[in-house]
């Protein structure tokens, strides 16, 4: 490959930008591209000079090629590979015994979600799979039900926030693109260090960052879950594909999806099963759970009635 440096332009720069996971693929090697080159070089023990020579190209091409977003189909499930850079996940391999369901608390495009993970400063925070949904503002369904796999088989990311333990290392994560909890008539914002209510249209619904939701994207639960009764709706397509993806992962990794959350629904009730659990219980009982089960300050995934039905049918 051609040696590239700041000031260069063309298709080779576009290739580089794609490999690095940049959102703007303009073929111009500017200061932003140089910054991400240096970040990649630092994380992969390369000379940090911002120049893309043979060693940097070899590392990029051998570990992740985001320009090839190819797919494979297994038992009617279509998975798009869009891998993170090598320094953005842990290679493992580890035996998988748990599966955790999340939602992103954000927008609908799984590719952008993965690119954001690739370019943020939080370290190796990611899930193996990200599942696209509908856009909260206008029902755009371009990415609804699109499965993106961003970590190679056997690898893992820090997706739970509960420390470096077996549950974290030996679990698979699925992130569903969804904003989560909504509020009516406004939203809460931190102003000068204090939570402040920002009033908006009294008949509209808003995300935690103040984005107005299309009303067709809003679901009202039968009762509050962790202080909220309104949520961004999981689409029918997203839930249908989630069901298939759960079965695919559980068959691949020999995880019993009837253990964990499904058992808790029978023991405690549908809503109660999504609540916080003693982490020792989770550690001793491998199976399928939600992020809400291990971190109290989370809402992913919330007890959507169709999600409950889906889980009970496993």
C-alpha atoms as a PDB file:
ATOM      1  CA  UNK A   1       0.000   0.000   0.000  1.00  0.00           C
ATOM      2  CA  UNK A   2       1.042   3.620  -0.565  1.00  0.00           C
ATOM      3  CA  UNK A   3       2.752   5.456   2.287  1.00  0.00           C
ATOM      4  CA  UNK A   4       0.335   8.129   3.503  1.00  0.00           C
ATOM      5  CA  UNK A   5       0.826  11.249   5.596  1.00  0.00           C
ATOM      6  CA  UNK A   6      -0.962  14.477   6.433  1.00  0.00           C
ATOM      7  CA  UNK A   7      -1.792  16.431   3.274  1.00  0.00           C
ATOM      8  CA  UNK A   8      -2.355  13.378   1.054  1.00  0.00           C
ATOM      9  CA  UNK A   9      -5.691  12.646  -0.603  1.00  0.00           C
ATOM     10  CA  UNK A  10      -7.403  10.047  -2.761  1.00  0.00           C
ATOM     11  CA  UNK A  11      -8.850   6.542  -2.602  1.00  0.00           C
ATOM     12  CA  UNK A  12      -6.028   5.191  -0.430  1.00  0.00           C
ATOM     13  CA  UNK A  13      -6.882   7.787   2.206  1.00  0.00           C
ATOM     14  CA  UNK A  14     -10.539   6.750   2.001  1.00  0.00           C
ATOM     15  CA  UNK A  15      -9.446   3.148   2.563  1.00  0.00           C
ATOM     16  CA  UNK A  16      -7.421   4.262   5.582  1.00  0.00           C
ATOM     17  CA  UNK A  17     -10.289   6.296   7.019  1.00  0.00           C
ATOM     18  CA  UNK A  18     -12.633   3.336   6.646  1.00  0.00           C
ATOM     19  CA  UNK A  19     -10.200   0.982   8.377  1.00  0.00           C
ATOM     20  CA  UNK A  20      -9.868   3.438  11.244  1.00  0.00           C
ATOM     21  CA  UNK A  21     -13.651   3.667  11.572  1.00  0.00           C
ATOM     22  CA  UNK A  22     -13.931   7.399  10.916  1.00  0.00           C
ATOM     23  CA  UNK A  23     -17.437   8.741  10.327  1.00  0.00           C
ATOM     24  CA  UNK A  24     -16.269  11.209   7.643  1.00  0.00           C
ATOM     25  CA  UNK A  25     -14.780   9.332   4.694  1.00  0.00           C
ATOM     26  CA  UNK A  26     -13.673  12.232   2.488  1.00  0.00           C
ATOM     27  CA  UNK A  27     -10.308  10.993   1.172  1.00  0.00           C
ATOM     28  CA  UNK A  28      -8.430  13.926   2.728  1.00  0.00           C
ATOM     29  CA  UNK A  29      -5.639  13.192   5.217  1.00  0.00           C
ATOM     30  CA  UNK A  30      -6.253  16.109   7.575  1.00  0.00           C
ATOM     31  CA  UNK A  31      -5.660  16.668  11.273  1.00  0.00           C
ATOM     32  CA  UNK A  32      -8.544  14.409  12.356  1.00  0.00           C
ATOM     33  CA  UNK A  33      -7.266  11.494  10.278  1.00  0.00           C
ATOM     34  CA  UNK A  34      -3.758  12.079  11.624  1.00  0.00           C
ATOM     35  CA  UNK A  35      -5.111  12.046  15.199  1.00  0.00           C
ATOM     36  CA  UNK A  36      -6.767   8.668  14.695  1.00  0.00           C
ATOM     37  CA  UNK A  37      -3.682   7.250  12.985  1.00  0.00           C
ATOM     38  CA  UNK A  38      -1.568   8.231  15.993  1.00  0.00           C
ATOM     39  CA  UNK A  39      -4.172   6.777  18.379  1.00  0.00           C
ATOM     40  CA  UNK A  40      -4.139   3.493  16.465  1.00  0.00           C
ATOM     41  CA  UNK A  41      -0.343   3.414  16.377  1.00  0.00           C
ATOM     42  CA  UNK A  42      -0.114   4.032  20.116  1.00  0.00           C
ATOM     43  CA  UNK A  43      -2.646   1.291  20.944  1.00  0.00           C
ATOM     44  CA  UNK A  44      -0.888  -1.230  18.699  1.00  0.00           C
ATOM     45  CA  UNK A  45       2.704  -0.595  19.842  1.00  0.00           C
ATOM     46  CA  UNK A  46       3.738   1.069  16.572  1.00  0.00           C
ATOM     47  CA  UNK A  47       5.890   4.152  16.057  1.00  0.00           C
ATOM     48  CA  UNK A  48       3.557   7.073  16.772  1.00  0.00           C
ATOM     49  CA  UNK A  49       4.457   9.409  13.923  1.00  0.00           C
ATOM     50  CA  UNK A  50       1.120   9.815  12.127  1.00  0.00           C
ATOM     51  CA  UNK A  51       2.642   8.357   8.937  1.00  0.00           C
ATOM     52  CA  UNK A  52       0.974   5.256   7.506  1.00  0.00           C
ATOM     53  CA  UNK A  53       3.826   3.083   6.319  1.00  0.00           C
ATOM     54  CA  UNK A  54       4.088  -0.654   5.736  1.00  0.00           C
ATOM     55  CA  UNK A  55       3.908  -1.656   9.429  1.00  0.00           C
ATOM     56  CA  UNK A  56       0.812   0.431  10.102  1.00  0.00           C
ATOM     57  CA  UNK A  57      -0.860  -0.848   6.931  1.00  0.00           C
ATOM     58  CA  UNK A  58      -0.007  -4.456   7.856  1.00  0.00           C
ATOM     59  CA  UNK A  59      -1.504  -4.027  11.315  1.00  0.00           C
ATOM     60  CA  UNK A  60      -4.672  -2.415   9.995  1.00  0.00           C
ATOM     61  CA  UNK A  61      -5.249  -4.951   7.241  1.00  0.00           C
ATOM     62  CA  UNK A  62      -4.480  -7.999   9.379  1.00  0.00           C
ATOM     63  CA  UNK A  63      -6.754  -7.109  12.283  1.00  0.00           C
ATOM     64  CA  UNK A  64      -9.726  -5.235  10.885  1.00  0.00           C
ATOM     65  CA  UNK A  65     -10.943  -4.326   7.454  1.00  0.00           C
ATOM     66  CA  UNK A  66     -13.971  -2.116   7.888  1.00  0.00           C
ATOM     67  CA  UNK A  67     -14.113  -1.563   4.146  1.00  0.00           C
ATOM     68  CA  UNK A  68     -15.343  -5.113   3.710  1.00  0.00           C
ATOM     69  CA  UNK A  69     -18.714  -5.134   5.414  1.00  0.00           C
ATOM     70  CA  UNK A  70     -19.580  -8.618   4.267  1.00  0.00           C
ATOM     71  CA  UNK A  71     -22.258 -10.916   5.595  1.00  0.00           C
ATOM     72  CA  UNK A  72     -22.837 -14.549   6.225  1.00  0.00           C
ATOM     73  CA  UNK A  73     -26.130 -16.345   6.623  1.00  0.00           C
ATOM     74  CA  UNK A  74     -26.616 -19.178   9.082  1.00  0.00           C
ATOM     75  CA  UNK A  75     -30.062 -20.710   9.499  1.00  0.00           C
ATOM     76  CA  UNK A  76     -31.776 -17.649   8.023  1.00  0.00           C
ATOM     77  CA  UNK A  77     -29.873 -15.130  10.165  1.00  0.00           C
ATOM     78  CA  UNK A  78     -27.960 -12.402   8.318  1.00  0.00           C
ATOM     79  CA  UNK A  79     -24.988 -10.964  10.214  1.00  0.00           C
ATOM     80  CA  UNK A  80     -22.876  -8.102   8.868  1.00  0.00           C
ATOM     81  CA  UNK A  81     -19.231  -8.031   9.975  1.00  0.00           C
ATOM     82  CA  UNK A  82     -17.937  -4.545  10.795  1.00  0.00           C
ATOM     83  CA  UNK A  83     -15.014  -5.159  13.128  1.00  0.00           C
ATOM     84  CA  UNK A  84     -13.527  -2.779  15.656  1.00  0.00           C
ATOM     85  CA  UNK A  85      -9.829  -1.929  15.541  1.00  0.00           C
ATOM     86  CA  UNK A  86      -7.638  -4.484  17.311  1.00  0.00           C
ATOM     87  CA  UNK A  87      -7.060  -2.264  20.339  1.00  0.00           C
ATOM     88  CA  UNK A  88     -10.788  -1.712  20.909  1.00  0.00           C
ATOM     89  CA  UNK A  89     -11.632  -5.218  22.154  1.00  0.00           C
ATOM     90  CA  UNK A  90      -9.968  -8.106  24.008  1.00  0.00           C
ATOM     91  CA  UNK A  91      -9.069 -11.042  21.818  1.00  0.00           C
ATOM     92  CA  UNK A  92      -9.631 -13.901  24.257  1.00  0.00           C
ATOM     93  CA  UNK A  93     -10.669 -16.483  23.405  1.00  0.00           C
ATOM     94  CA  UNK A  94     -12.962 -17.153  26.352  1.00  0.00           C
ATOM     95  CA  UNK A  95     -15.675 -19.744  26.834  1.00  0.00           C
ATOM     96  CA  UNK A  96     -19.060 -18.029  26.833  1.00  0.00           C
ATOM     97  CA  UNK A  97     -21.551 -18.893  29.573  1.00  0.00           C
ATOM     98  CA  UNK A  98     -23.740 -15.776  29.804  1.00  0.00           C
ATOM     99  CA  UNK A  99     -25.656 -13.653  27.298  1.00  0.00           C
ATOM    100  CA  UNK A 100     -26.627 -10.078  28.211  1.00  0.00           C
ATOM    101  CA  UNK A 101     -29.168  -7.872  26.442  1.00  0.00           C
ATOM    102  CA  UNK A 102     -28.607  -4.104  26.252  1.00  0.00           C
ATOM    103  CA  UNK A 103     -29.911  -1.101  24.408  1.00  0.00           C
ATOM    104  CA  UNK A 104     -27.613   1.693  23.289  1.00  0.00           C
ATOM    105  CA  UNK A 105     -29.515   4.706  24.694  1.00  0.00           C
ATOM    106  CA  UNK A 106     -28.966   6.288  21.286  1.00  0.00           C
ATOM    107  CA  UNK A 107     -29.719   6.383  17.586  1.00  0.00           C
ATOM    108  CA  UNK A 108     -30.835   3.709  15.130  1.00  0.00           C
ATOM    109  CA  UNK A 109     -27.744   2.992  12.989  1.00  0.00           C
ATOM    110  CA  UNK A 110     -25.636   0.040  14.263  1.00  0.00           C
ATOM    111  CA  UNK A 111     -22.691   0.910  11.989  1.00  0.00           C
ATOM    112  CA  UNK A 112     -22.426   4.395  13.502  1.00  0.00           C
ATOM    113  CA  UNK A 113     -22.690   2.893  16.973  1.00  0.00           C
ATOM    114  CA  UNK A 114     -19.733   0.621  16.265  1.00  0.00           C
ATOM    115  CA  UNK A 115     -17.756   3.486  14.725  1.00  0.00           C
ATOM    116  CA  UNK A 116     -18.410   5.560  17.837  1.00  0.00           C
ATOM    117  CA  UNK A 117     -17.108   2.749  20.026  1.00  0.00           C
ATOM    118  CA  UNK A 118     -14.065   2.535  17.792  1.00  0.00           C
ATOM    119  CA  UNK A 119     -13.300   6.250  18.081  1.00  0.00           C
ATOM    120  CA  UNK A 120     -14.251   7.114  21.648  1.00  0.00           C
ATOM    121  CA  UNK A 121     -11.838   7.416  24.586  1.00  0.00           C
ATOM    122  CA  UNK A 122     -13.510   4.928  26.931  1.00  0.00           C
ATOM    123  CA  UNK A 123     -11.262   2.026  26.009  1.00  0.00           C
ATOM    124  CA  UNK A 124     -12.521  -1.436  25.107  1.00  0.00           C
ATOM    125  CA  UNK A 125     -16.210  -0.806  25.770  1.00  0.00           C
ATOM    126  CA  UNK A 126     -18.343  -2.703  23.255  1.00  0.00           C
ATOM    127  CA  UNK A 127     -20.599  -5.692  22.696  1.00  0.00           C
ATOM    128  CA  UNK A 128     -20.043  -8.389  20.100  1.00  0.00           C
ATOM    129  CA  UNK A 129     -23.333  -7.605  18.348  1.00  0.00           C
ATOM    130  CA  UNK A 130     -25.312  -4.431  17.678  1.00  0.00           C
ATOM    131  CA  UNK A 131     -28.878  -4.602  16.350  1.00  0.00           C
ATOM    132  CA  UNK A 132     -30.333  -1.674  14.416  1.00  0.00           C
ATOM    133  CA  UNK A 133     -33.749  -0.191  15.140  1.00  0.00           C
ATOM    134  CA  UNK A 134     -36.098   2.556  14.018  1.00  0.00           C
ATOM    135  CA  UNK A 135     -35.189   6.230  14.200  1.00  0.00           C
ATOM    136  CA  UNK A 136     -36.967   7.875  17.113  1.00  0.00           C
ATOM    137  CA  UNK A 137     -37.712  11.137  15.282  1.00  0.00           C
ATOM    138  CA  UNK A 138     -39.265  10.018  12.008  1.00  0.00           C
ATOM    139  CA  UNK A 139     -39.740   6.220  11.891  1.00  0.00           C
ATOM    140  CA  UNK A 140     -36.807   5.733   9.489  1.00  0.00           C
ATOM    141  CA  UNK A 141     -36.467   1.932   9.286  1.00  0.00           C
ATOM    142  CA  UNK A 142     -33.396   1.652   7.009  1.00  0.00           C
ATOM    143  CA  UNK A 143     -31.400  -0.136   9.721  1.00  0.00           C
ATOM    144  CA  UNK A 144     -34.286  -1.812  11.522  1.00  0.00           C
ATOM    145  CA  UNK A 145     -33.287  -5.403  12.273  1.00  0.00           C
ATOM    146  CA  UNK A 146     -29.761  -5.123  10.805  1.00  0.00           C
ATOM    147  CA  UNK A 147     -27.289  -7.203  12.843  1.00  0.00           C
ATOM    148  CA  UNK A 148     -23.706  -5.943  13.002  1.00  0.00           C
ATOM    149  CA  UNK A 149     -20.950  -8.078  14.510  1.00  0.00           C
ATOM    150  CA  UNK A 150     -17.973  -5.963  15.582  1.00  0.00           C
ATOM    151  CA  UNK A 151     -15.844  -8.403  17.628  1.00  0.00           C
ATOM    152  CA  UNK A 152     -14.394 -11.619  16.150  1.00  0.00           C
ATOM    153  CA  UNK A 153     -15.478 -14.959  17.608  1.00  0.00           C
ATOM    154  CA  UNK A 154     -13.984 -15.556  21.056  1.00  0.00           C
ATOM    155  CA  UNK A 155     -13.226 -11.896  21.719  1.00  0.00           C
ATOM    156  CA  UNK A 156     -15.063  -9.624  24.116  1.00  0.00           C
ATOM    157  CA  UNK A 157     -15.469  -6.044  25.307  1.00  0.00           C
ATOM    158  CA  UNK A 158     -16.222  -4.388  28.629  1.00  0.00           C
ATOM    159  CA  UNK A 159     -19.997  -4.140  28.315  1.00  0.00           C
ATOM    160  CA  UNK A 160     -21.269  -4.639  31.867  1.00  0.00           C
ATOM    161  CA  UNK A 161     -19.282  -2.283  34.104  1.00  0.00           C
ATOM    162  CA  UNK A 162     -19.031  -4.750  36.999  1.00  0.00           C
ATOM    163  CA  UNK A 163     -15.279  -5.308  37.080  1.00  0.00           C
ATOM    164  CA  UNK A 164     -12.921  -7.808  35.484  1.00  0.00           C
ATOM    165  CA  UNK A 165     -14.569 -11.048  36.532  1.00  0.00           C
ATOM    166  CA  UNK A 166     -15.794 -14.265  34.946  1.00  0.00           C
ATOM    167  CA  UNK A 167     -19.271 -12.893  34.176  1.00  0.00           C
ATOM    168  CA  UNK A 168     -17.715 -10.005  32.256  1.00  0.00           C
ATOM    169  CA  UNK A 169     -15.085 -12.047  30.433  1.00  0.00           C
ATOM    170  CA  UNK A 170     -17.299 -15.015  29.635  1.00  0.00           C
ATOM    171  CA  UNK A 171     -20.417 -13.219  28.433  1.00  0.00           C
ATOM    172  CA  UNK A 172     -21.723 -12.203  25.027  1.00  0.00           C
ATOM    173  CA  UNK A 173     -23.453  -8.842  24.670  1.00  0.00           C
ATOM    174  CA  UNK A 174     -26.156  -7.659  22.267  1.00  0.00           C
ATOM    175  CA  UNK A 175     -26.856  -3.920  22.009  1.00  0.00           C
ATOM    176  CA  UNK A 176     -30.204  -2.932  20.473  1.00  0.00           C
ATOM    177  CA  UNK A 177     -30.279   0.568  18.987  1.00  0.00           C
ATOM    178  CA  UNK A 178     -32.853   2.340  21.146  1.00  0.00           C
ATOM    179  CA  UNK A 179     -33.007   5.540  23.242  1.00  0.00           C
ATOM    180  CA  UNK A 180     -34.658   3.942  26.266  1.00  0.00           C
ATOM    181  CA  UNK A 181     -36.584   5.968  28.852  1.00  0.00           C
ATOM    182  CA  UNK A 182     -38.662   8.996  27.810  1.00  0.00           C
ATOM    183  CA  UNK A 183     -40.365  11.814  29.709  1.00  0.00           C
ATOM    184  CA  UNK A 184     -43.498  13.754  28.849  1.00  0.00           C
ATOM    185  CA  UNK A 185     -43.501  17.535  28.611  1.00  0.00           C
ATOM    186  CA  UNK A 186     -39.758  18.010  28.914  1.00  0.00           C
ATOM    187  CA  UNK A 187     -36.603  16.361  30.174  1.00  0.00           C
ATOM    188  CA  UNK A 188     -34.039  16.548  32.966  1.00  0.00           C
ATOM    189  CA  UNK A 189     -30.691  18.209  32.334  1.00  0.00           C
ATOM    190  CA  UNK A 190     -27.703  18.813  34.568  1.00  0.00           C
ATOM    191  CA  UNK A 191     -27.268  22.583  34.944  1.00  0.00           C
ATOM    192  CA  UNK A 192     -24.460  23.887  37.169  1.00  0.00           C
ATOM    193  CA  UNK A 193     -24.137  20.461  38.720  1.00  0.00           C
ATOM    194  CA  UNK A 194     -27.859  20.110  39.532  1.00  0.00           C
ATOM    195  CA  UNK A 195     -30.588  18.087  37.849  1.00  0.00           C
ATOM    196  CA  UNK A 196     -32.942  20.647  36.300  1.00  0.00           C
ATOM    197  CA  UNK A 197     -36.289  20.068  34.582  1.00  0.00           C
ATOM    198  CA  UNK A 198     -36.391  21.626  31.109  1.00  0.00           C
ATOM    199  CA  UNK A 199     -40.015  22.266  30.146  1.00  0.00           C
ATOM    200  CA  UNK A 200     -41.051  21.611  26.537  1.00  0.00           C
ATOM    201  CA  UNK A 201     -44.351  20.883  24.775  1.00  0.00           C
ATOM    202  CA  UNK A 202     -46.614  19.331  27.429  1.00  0.00           C
ATOM    203  CA  UNK A 203     -48.093  16.811  24.979  1.00  0.00           C
ATOM    204  CA  UNK A 204     -44.796  15.558  23.522  1.00  0.00           C
ATOM    205  CA  UNK A 205     -42.216  13.016  24.681  1.00  0.00           C
ATOM    206  CA  UNK A 206     -38.477  13.594  24.988  1.00  0.00           C
ATOM    207  CA  UNK A 207     -35.310  11.558  25.375  1.00  0.00           C
ATOM    208  CA  UNK A 208     -32.847  12.141  28.202  1.00  0.00           C
ATOM    209  CA  UNK A 209     -30.893  14.488  25.874  1.00  0.00           C
ATOM    210  CA  UNK A 210     -33.960  16.492  24.834  1.00  0.00           C
ATOM    211  CA  UNK A 211     -34.702  14.932  21.434  1.00  0.00           C
ATOM    212  CA  UNK A 212     -38.438  14.952  20.676  1.00  0.00           C
ATOM    213  CA  UNK A 213     -39.771  11.490  19.911  1.00  0.00           C
ATOM    214  CA  UNK A 214     -42.243  10.746  17.150  1.00  0.00           C
ATOM    215  CA  UNK A 215     -45.335   9.590  19.038  1.00  0.00           C
ATOM    216  CA  UNK A 216     -45.459   6.364  17.053  1.00  0.00           C
ATOM    217  CA  UNK A 217     -42.077   5.523  18.618  1.00  0.00           C
ATOM    218  CA  UNK A 218     -43.390   5.834  22.188  1.00  0.00           C
ATOM    219  CA  UNK A 219     -44.672   2.973  24.329  1.00  0.00           C
ATOM    220  CA  UNK A 220     -46.377   3.368  27.698  1.00  0.00           C
ATOM    221  CA  UNK A 221     -45.769   0.479  30.087  1.00  0.00           C
ATOM    222  CA  UNK A 222     -48.536  -0.745  32.369  1.00  0.00           C
ATOM    223  CA  UNK A 223     -46.579   0.623  35.327  1.00  0.00           C
ATOM    224  CA  UNK A 224     -43.311   2.436  35.995  1.00  0.00           C
ATOM    225  CA  UNK A 225     -39.994   0.675  35.609  1.00  0.00           C
ATOM    226  CA  UNK A 226     -37.184   2.317  37.561  1.00  0.00           C
ATOM    227  CA  UNK A 227     -39.041   5.612  37.673  1.00  0.00           C
ATOM    228  CA  UNK A 228     -40.206   5.742  34.047  1.00  0.00           C
ATOM    229  CA  UNK A 229     -43.391   4.642  32.331  1.00  0.00           C
ATOM    230  CA  UNK A 230     -42.661   5.874  28.773  1.00  0.00           C
ATOM    231  CA  UNK A 231     -39.935   4.345  26.602  1.00  0.00           C
ATOM    232  CA  UNK A 232     -38.685   4.331  23.029  1.00  0.00           C
ATOM    233  CA  UNK A 233     -40.500   1.393  21.462  1.00  0.00           C
ATOM    234  CA  UNK A 234     -38.595  -1.695  20.342  1.00  0.00           C
ATOM    235  CA  UNK A 235     -39.892  -2.359  16.822  1.00  0.00           C
ATOM    236  CA  UNK A 236     -41.516  -5.649  15.846  1.00  0.00           C
ATOM    237  CA  UNK A 237     -38.742  -6.291  13.324  1.00  0.00           C
ATOM    238  CA  UNK A 238     -36.036  -5.579  15.879  1.00  0.00           C
ATOM    239  CA  UNK A 239     -37.576  -8.019  18.355  1.00  0.00           C
ATOM    240  CA  UNK A 240     -38.081 -10.707  15.700  1.00  0.00           C
ATOM    241  CA  UNK A 241     -34.420 -10.505  14.698  1.00  0.00           C
ATOM    242  CA  UNK A 242     -33.350 -10.366  18.348  1.00  0.00           C
ATOM    243  CA  UNK A 243     -35.131 -13.678  18.924  1.00  0.00           C
ATOM    244  CA  UNK A 244     -33.227 -15.290  16.044  1.00  0.00           C
ATOM    245  CA  UNK A 245     -29.937 -13.788  17.208  1.00  0.00           C
ATOM    246  CA  UNK A 246     -30.409 -15.073  20.753  1.00  0.00           C
ATOM    247  CA  UNK A 247     -30.984 -18.587  19.444  1.00  0.00           C
ATOM    248  CA  UNK A 248     -27.986 -18.302  17.114  1.00  0.00           C
ATOM    249  CA  UNK A 249     -25.632 -17.232  19.925  1.00  0.00           C
ATOM    250  CA  UNK A 250     -26.974 -19.755  22.418  1.00  0.00           C
ATOM    251  CA  UNK A 251     -26.526 -22.598  19.946  1.00  0.00           C
ATOM    252  CA  UNK A 252     -23.047 -21.384  18.980  1.00  0.00           C
ATOM    253  CA  UNK A 253     -21.861 -20.999  22.580  1.00  0.00           C
ATOM    254  CA  UNK A 254     -23.963 -23.689  24.274  1.00  0.00           C
ATOM    255  CA  UNK A 255     -25.844 -21.224  26.509  1.00  0.00           C
ATOM    256  CA  UNK A 256     -29.300 -22.187  27.785  1.00  0.00           C
ATOM    257  CA  UNK A 257     -31.554 -19.127  27.134  1.00  0.00           C
ATOM    258  CA  UNK A 258     -34.224 -20.515  29.461  1.00  0.00           C
ATOM    259  CA  UNK A 259     -31.908 -19.997  32.423  1.00  0.00           C
ATOM    260  CA  UNK A 260     -31.640 -16.623  34.118  1.00  0.00           C
ATOM    261  CA  UNK A 261     -34.218 -14.025  33.088  1.00  0.00           C
ATOM    262  CA  UNK A 262     -36.830 -16.508  31.876  1.00  0.00           C
ATOM    263  CA  UNK A 263     -36.649 -18.478  35.125  1.00  0.00           C
ATOM    264  CA  UNK A 264     -36.902 -15.253  37.118  1.00  0.00           C
ATOM    265  CA  UNK A 265     -40.112 -14.303  35.289  1.00  0.00           C
ATOM    266  CA  UNK A 266     -41.703 -17.498  36.557  1.00  0.00           C
ATOM    267  CA  UNK A 267     -40.367 -17.007  40.076  1.00  0.00           C
ATOM    268  CA  UNK A 268     -40.792 -13.241  40.581  1.00  0.00           C
ATOM    269  CA  UNK A 269     -43.085 -11.924  37.856  1.00  0.00           C
ATOM    270  CA  UNK A 270     -42.476 -10.318  34.472  1.00  0.00           C
ATOM    271  CA  UNK A 271     -41.459  -6.809  35.585  1.00  0.00           C
ATOM    272  CA  UNK A 272     -39.661  -7.965  38.703  1.00  0.00           C
ATOM    273  CA  UNK A 273     -37.419 -10.294  36.688  1.00  0.00           C
ATOM    274  CA  UNK A 274     -35.782  -7.266  35.042  1.00  0.00           C
ATOM    275  CA  UNK A 275     -34.743  -5.716  38.334  1.00  0.00           C
ATOM    276  CA  UNK A 276     -31.353  -5.702  40.052  1.00  0.00           C
ATOM    277  CA  UNK A 277     -30.042  -9.042  41.291  1.00  0.00           C
ATOM    278  CA  UNK A 278     -27.389 -10.122  43.735  1.00  0.00           C
ATOM    279  CA  UNK A 279     -24.385 -10.472  41.436  1.00  0.00           C
ATOM    280  CA  UNK A 280     -23.431 -13.673  43.205  1.00  0.00           C
ATOM    281  CA  UNK A 281     -26.710 -15.137  41.959  1.00  0.00           C
ATOM    282  CA  UNK A 282     -25.831 -14.216  38.375  1.00  0.00           C
ATOM    283  CA  UNK A 283     -22.303 -15.577  38.781  1.00  0.00           C
ATOM    284  CA  UNK A 284     -23.618 -18.908  40.039  1.00  0.00           C
ATOM    285  CA  UNK A 285     -26.409 -19.188  37.466  1.00  0.00           C
ATOM    286  CA  UNK A 286     -25.196 -18.749  33.857  1.00  0.00           C
ATOM    287  CA  UNK A 287     -27.830 -17.989  31.242  1.00  0.00           C
ATOM    288  CA  UNK A 288     -29.622 -15.052  29.620  1.00  0.00           C
ATOM    289  CA  UNK A 289     -29.938 -11.717  31.459  1.00  0.00           C
ATOM    290  CA  UNK A 290     -30.398  -7.986  30.872  1.00  0.00           C
ATOM    291  CA  UNK A 291     -27.986  -5.230  31.882  1.00  0.00           C
ATOM    292  CA  UNK A 292     -30.601  -4.132  34.427  1.00  0.00           C
ATOM    293  CA  UNK A 293     -29.960  -7.337  36.360  1.00  0.00           C
ATOM    294  CA  UNK A 294     -26.382  -6.403  37.273  1.00  0.00           C
ATOM    295  CA  UNK A 295     -26.345  -2.562  37.323  1.00  0.00           C
ATOM    296  CA  UNK A 296     -29.084  -0.680  39.183  1.00  0.00           C
ATOM    297  CA  UNK A 297     -28.702   2.630  37.318  1.00  0.00           C
ATOM    298  CA  UNK A 298     -29.562   1.116  33.926  1.00  0.00           C
ATOM    299  CA  UNK A 299     -32.796   0.695  31.953  1.00  0.00           C
ATOM    300  CA  UNK A 300     -31.545  -1.755  29.290  1.00  0.00           C
ATOM    301  CA  UNK A 301     -33.472  -3.663  28.451  1.00  0.00           C
ATOM    302  CA  UNK A 302     -36.800  -2.545  29.910  1.00  0.00           C
ATOM    303  CA  UNK A 303     -39.803  -4.907  30.310  1.00  0.00           C
ATOM    304  CA  UNK A 304     -41.481  -4.296  26.956  1.00  0.00           C
ATOM    305  CA  UNK A 305     -44.549  -6.585  26.723  1.00  0.00           C
ATOM    306  CA  UNK A 306     -43.474  -8.068  23.372  1.00  0.00           C
ATOM    307  CA  UNK A 307     -39.937  -8.626  24.687  1.00  0.00           C
ATOM    308  CA  UNK A 308     -41.446 -10.472  27.640  1.00  0.00           C
ATOM    309  CA  UNK A 309     -43.482 -12.667  25.284  1.00  0.00           C
ATOM    310  CA  UNK A 310     -40.392 -13.279  23.150  1.00  0.00           C
ATOM    311  CA  UNK A 311     -38.330 -14.399  26.136  1.00  0.00           C
ATOM    312  CA  UNK A 312     -41.068 -16.656  27.440  1.00  0.00           C
ATOM    313  CA  UNK A 313     -41.221 -18.413  24.066  1.00  0.00           C
ATOM    314  CA  UNK A 314     -37.533 -19.419  24.166  1.00  0.00           C
END
